[in-house]
Amino acid sequence: MLILNLGGPVASTGCLLLAFVKFLSWKSYVWIIFFVIHHYLVRYPQYLFRKNAK
């Protein structure tokens, strides 16, 4: 986060984001998608169950 604070302008943030996207491999995207889907598949039914239990 220090780099973002020192960079300041939006342009440097955009460059950082681009570098980050290039740095990530397709496997990283697969893992991120997997975690998001897993999170919703696990949490959402629990949330509905608790809501219905009340």
Protein backbone atom coordinates (compact mmCIF):
# COMPACT_ATOMS: atom_id res chain seq x y z
CA MET A 1 0.00 0.00 0.00
CA LEU A 2 2.99 2.31 0.46
CA ILE A 3 3.62 2.36 -3.28
CA LEU A 4 0.04 3.48 -3.92
CA ASN A 5 0.34 6.31 -1.39
CA LEU A 6 3.67 7.50 -2.81
CA GLY A 7 2.44 7.19 -6.42
CA GLY A 8 -0.51 9.47 -5.85
CA PRO A 9 -1.97 10.03 -9.34
CA VAL A 10 -4.46 7.69 -10.96
CA ALA A 11 -2.03 6.97 -13.82
CA SER A 12 0.50 5.29 -11.51
CA THR A 13 -2.29 3.28 -9.91
CA GLY A 14 -3.43 2.16 -13.37
CA CYS A 15 0.12 1.12 -14.25
CA LEU A 16 0.35 -0.82 -10.98
CA LEU A 17 -2.93 -2.56 -11.72
CA LEU A 18 -1.77 -3.46 -15.22
CA ALA A 19 1.50 -4.83 -13.85
CA PHE A 20 -0.45 -6.79 -11.24
CA VAL A 21 -2.78 -8.24 -13.89
CA LYS A 22 0.19 -9.23 -16.07
CA PHE A 23 1.93 -10.68 -13.02
CA LEU A 24 -1.04 -12.92 -12.25
CA SER A 25 -1.10 -16.10 -14.27
CA TRP A 26 -4.29 -17.75 -15.49
CA LYS A 27 -3.97 -20.18 -12.58
CA SER A 28 -4.35 -17.28 -10.17
CA TYR A 29 -7.59 -16.26 -11.86
CA VAL A 30 -8.84 -19.84 -11.62
CA TRP A 31 -8.08 -19.87 -7.90
CA ILE A 32 -9.78 -16.49 -7.34
CA ILE A 33 -12.90 -17.62 -9.21
CA PHE A 34 -12.86 -20.92 -7.32
CA PHE A 35 -12.66 -19.15 -3.95
CA VAL A 36 -15.47 -16.74 -4.84
CA ILE A 37 -17.76 -19.54 -6.03
CA HIS A 38 -16.85 -21.69 -3.02
CA HIS A 39 -17.50 -18.76 -0.67
CA TYR A 40 -20.98 -18.20 -2.09
CA LEU A 41 -21.82 -21.91 -2.24
CA VAL A 42 -20.86 -22.33 1.40
CA ARG A 43 -21.98 -19.04 2.94
CA TYR A 44 -25.21 -18.31 1.07
CA PRO A 45 -27.06 -21.54 2.02
CA GLN A 46 -25.96 -21.03 5.65
CA TYR A 47 -27.32 -17.48 5.53
CA LEU A 48 -30.64 -18.66 4.10
CA PHE A 49 -30.82 -21.47 6.65
CA ARG A 50 -30.26 -19.06 9.55
CA LYS A 51 -32.82 -16.64 8.12
CA ASN A 52 -35.42 -19.41 7.81
CA ALA A 53 -34.55 -20.81 11.25
CA LYS A 54 -35.59 -17.53 12.90
